[in-house]
Protein backbone atom coordinates (compact mmCIF):
# COMPACT_ATOMS: atom_id res chain seq x y z
CA MET A 1 -3.03 42.01 15.40
CA ILE A 2 -6.53 40.63 15.90
CA THR A 3 -8.95 42.68 13.81
CA ASN A 4 -11.97 40.34 13.66
CA LEU A 5 -13.37 36.97 14.72
CA THR A 6 -11.44 35.18 11.98
CA ASP A 7 -8.15 36.45 13.41
CA LEU A 8 -9.22 35.49 16.94
CA ALA A 9 -10.22 32.02 15.76
CA ALA A 10 -6.73 31.54 14.34
CA HIS A 11 -5.15 32.83 17.56
CA VAL A 12 -7.07 30.38 19.76
CA CYS A 13 -6.74 27.48 17.27
CA ALA A 14 -10.49 27.19 16.68
CA HIS A 15 -11.48 24.89 13.83
CA LYS A 16 -13.81 27.50 12.25
CA PRO A 17 -13.98 31.31 12.29
CA GLU A 18 -17.35 31.24 14.06
CA ILE A 19 -18.20 32.37 17.60
CA GLN A 20 -19.31 28.85 18.64
CA ALA A 21 -15.98 27.33 17.55
CA VAL A 22 -14.00 30.09 19.24
CA ALA A 23 -16.06 29.69 22.41
CA ARG A 24 -15.46 25.93 22.44
CA SER A 25 -11.72 26.39 22.01
CA VAL A 26 -11.54 29.01 24.76
CA TYR A 27 -13.61 26.84 27.13
CA LYS A 28 -11.59 23.71 26.36
CA TYR A 29 -8.14 25.25 26.73
CA THR A 30 -8.70 27.20 29.97
CA SER A 31 -8.67 25.54 33.36
CA CYS A 32 -11.59 27.70 34.52
CA GLY A 33 -13.76 26.98 31.45
CA ALA A 34 -13.80 30.60 30.34
CA SER A 35 -16.61 31.80 28.11
CA ILE A 36 -16.52 34.31 25.28
CA ASN A 37 -19.27 36.54 23.95
CA GLU A 38 -19.49 38.92 21.07
CA VAL A 39 -19.99 42.54 22.07
CA PRO A 40 -20.46 45.51 19.74
CA GLY A 41 -17.08 46.03 18.10
CA GLY A 42 -15.29 43.13 19.82
CA VAL A 43 -15.50 40.26 22.27
CA SER A 44 -15.61 39.69 26.02
CA VAL A 45 -14.27 36.88 28.18
CA SER A 46 -15.28 35.80 31.69
CA SER A 47 -15.99 32.66 33.72
CA ILE A 48 -18.56 31.22 36.10
CA VAL A 49 -17.00 29.49 39.11
CA GLU A 50 -18.99 26.32 39.74
CA GLY A 51 -20.28 25.81 43.25
CA ALA A 52 -19.49 29.39 44.28
CA GLU A 53 -22.40 31.10 42.53
CA ALA A 54 -19.90 33.72 41.45
CA CYS A 55 -18.53 35.04 38.19
CA THR A 56 -15.29 36.70 37.33
CA PRO A 57 -15.35 40.25 36.03
CA VAL A 58 -16.03 40.58 32.31
CA HIS A 59 -13.02 41.61 30.24
CA ALA A 60 -14.04 43.28 26.98
CA LEU A 61 -11.68 43.84 24.07
CA LEU A 62 -12.58 45.98 21.09
CA TYR A 63 -11.09 45.29 17.67
CA PRO A 64 -8.30 45.72 16.85
CA PHE A 65 -6.34 44.28 19.76
CA THR A 66 -3.12 42.32 20.06
CA GLY A 67 -2.74 38.64 20.79
CA GLU A 68 -0.95 39.68 23.97
CA ALA A 69 -3.99 41.73 25.04
CA TRP A 70 -6.23 38.70 24.46
CA ASP A 71 -3.87 36.38 26.31
CA GLY A 72 -3.68 38.87 29.19
CA ALA A 73 -7.47 39.08 29.46
CA VAL A 74 -7.76 35.27 29.47
CA GLN A 75 -5.01 34.99 32.12
CA ALA A 76 -6.79 37.60 34.25
CA VAL A 77 -9.99 35.52 34.08
CA GLU A 78 -8.04 32.36 35.00
CA ASP A 79 -6.45 34.14 37.98
CA GLU A 80 -9.76 35.63 39.14
CA ALA A 81 -11.53 32.26 38.89
CA LYS A 82 -8.75 30.58 40.87
CA GLU A 83 -8.99 33.23 43.58
CA ILE A 84 -12.76 32.77 43.84
CA TRP A 85 -12.32 28.98 43.96
CA ASP A 86 -9.59 29.16 46.60
CA ASN A 87 -11.71 31.47 48.75
CA THR A 88 -14.79 29.21 48.68
CA HIS A 89 -13.81 25.56 48.23
CA GLY A 90 -11.79 24.49 51.25
CA CYS A 91 -12.36 20.96 52.55
CA ASP A 92 -13.86 20.32 56.00
CA ASP A 93 -10.36 20.20 57.50
CA CYS A 94 -9.07 23.44 55.92
CA GLY A 95 -10.40 25.53 58.77
CA PRO A 96 -13.56 27.24 60.00
CA GLU A 97 -16.38 28.31 57.74
CA GLU A 98 -16.79 31.97 56.87
CA TRP A 99 -19.99 33.88 57.73
CA ASP A 100 -21.46 32.96 54.34
CA GLY A 101 -20.83 29.22 54.70
CA SER A 102 -17.79 29.19 52.43
CA ARG A 103 -14.48 27.80 53.58
CA PRO A 104 -11.20 29.14 52.16
CA ILE A 105 -8.64 26.60 51.01
CA ASN A 106 -5.77 26.20 53.45
CA PRO A 107 -2.67 25.60 51.30
CA ASN A 108 -1.12 23.69 54.24
CA CYS A 109 -4.13 21.44 54.88
CA LYS A 110 -2.97 17.89 55.62
CA SER A 111 -6.25 16.35 54.34
CA CYS A 112 -6.62 17.94 50.89
CA LYS A 113 -3.01 19.13 50.54
CA GLY A 114 -4.21 22.59 49.51
CA GLU A 115 -6.43 21.32 46.68
CA GLY A 116 -9.73 22.00 48.45
CA ALA A 117 -13.06 20.20 48.30
CA ILE A 118 -13.97 18.22 45.22
CA ILE A 119 -17.43 19.01 43.85
């Protein structure tokens, strides 16, 4: 059970029970570079998707919460960030641009092999 920042720091293997250390650990160990903020009575996690000018929804957890609840919120942010990325970062050969200038990734693209444009 995670009842405070000290417990969360231990759960995410942060080197200190401080918000900056927890934030660094969360950023470092997520592929989307998730960020964490303190909110009254708990924490929130979200991510900015570079080059898309978009953010994932904010997932707030109030103490106490389980490690599984934390891990689920982080996984949701990872999944949401990947969906935003995949919908906006196709390479020039992935297909036509959308009305807003974005280009979805084509998983069968022969040029980028479904990885999309590198920024």
